[in-house]
Protein backbone atom coordinates (compact mmCIF):
# COMPACT_ATOMS: atom_id res chain seq x y z
CA MET A 1 0.00 0.00 0.00
CA ARG A 2 1.56 3.28 -1.14
CA LEU A 3 0.48 6.67 0.13
CA ASP A 4 1.14 9.79 -1.87
CA TYR A 5 -0.51 13.17 -2.39
CA GLY A 6 -2.56 11.86 -5.31
CA GLN A 7 -3.96 8.91 -3.35
CA ILE A 8 -6.69 9.73 -0.86
CA GLU A 9 -8.45 6.46 -0.15
CA VAL A 10 -6.55 3.37 0.88
CA VAL A 11 -8.32 0.03 1.22
CA ASP A 12 -6.89 -2.39 3.74
CA ASP A 13 -5.75 -5.71 2.26
CA LYS A 14 -8.23 -7.64 4.45
CA MET A 15 -11.08 -5.45 3.20
CA VAL A 16 -10.00 -6.12 -0.39
CA GLU A 17 -10.24 -9.86 0.29
CA ILE A 18 -13.72 -9.47 1.80
CA LEU A 19 -14.99 -7.33 -1.07
CA GLN A 20 -13.56 -9.69 -3.69
CA ARG A 21 -15.62 -12.54 -2.21
CA LYS A 22 -18.85 -10.54 -2.64
CA THR A 23 -20.97 -10.65 -5.76
CA PRO A 24 -21.23 -7.50 -7.88
CA ALA A 25 -24.76 -6.96 -6.53
CA GLU A 26 -23.50 -7.23 -2.94
CA ARG A 27 -20.72 -4.71 -3.63
CA ILE A 28 -23.21 -2.28 -5.15
CA ALA A 29 -25.46 -2.71 -2.11
CA VAL A 30 -22.53 -1.96 0.21
CA GLY A 31 -21.68 1.16 -1.76
CA PHE A 32 -25.29 2.33 -1.77
CA ARG A 33 -25.60 1.86 2.01
CA MET A 34 -22.37 3.84 2.47
CA TRP A 35 -23.78 6.64 0.27
CA ILE A 36 -27.03 6.71 2.31
CA SER A 37 -24.99 6.83 5.52
CA VAL A 38 -22.88 9.74 4.28
CA ARG A 39 -26.01 11.57 3.11
CA ASN A 40 -27.66 11.13 6.53
CA MET A 41 -24.54 12.25 8.40
CA LEU A 42 -24.20 15.32 6.20
CA LEU A 43 -27.87 16.19 6.67
CA CYS A 44 -27.54 15.91 10.47
CA HIS A 45 -24.39 18.03 10.42
CA LEU A 46 -26.03 20.75 8.33
CA ARG A 47 -29.17 20.75 10.51
CA HIS A 48 -26.98 21.26 13.57
CA THR A 49 -24.75 23.87 11.93
CA HIS A 50 -27.59 25.81 10.27
CA PRO A 51 -30.76 25.47 12.38
CA GLU A 52 -32.22 28.47 10.55
CA TRP A 53 -32.22 26.70 7.17
CA SER A 54 -35.45 25.28 5.78
CA GLU A 55 -35.75 21.61 4.86
CA MET A 56 -35.52 22.62 1.20
CA ASP A 57 -32.29 24.56 1.88
CA LEU A 58 -30.85 21.54 3.68
CA GLN A 59 -31.77 19.13 0.88
CA GLN A 60 -30.33 21.45 -1.76
CA GLU A 61 -27.04 21.82 0.12
CA VAL A 62 -26.76 18.06 0.60
CA ALA A 63 -27.36 17.55 -3.12
CA ARG A 64 -24.85 20.25 -4.02
CA ARG A 65 -22.14 18.74 -1.83
CA LEU A 66 -22.72 15.15 -2.87
CA SER A 67 -22.70 16.13 -6.54
CA HIS A 68 -19.50 18.19 -6.12
CA GLY A 69 -21.39 21.34 -7.08
CA ALA A 70 -23.05 19.95 -10.21
CA VAL A 71 -26.51 20.52 -8.72
């Protein structure tokens, strides 16, 4: 495992073995659950940080951040 400035994520060798044993559908399901988790954590963080924002404002900011500004 090599770390450099261009490499952000590093997957542990054990995790690679576990993921390789999963079917493609199982790997997609894992990724989707991770995305839902990140979305929920971001929404909670924004609600706490900006209690004055409406639900629409919160949803728009979550979408903006998760789409890297494309939305």
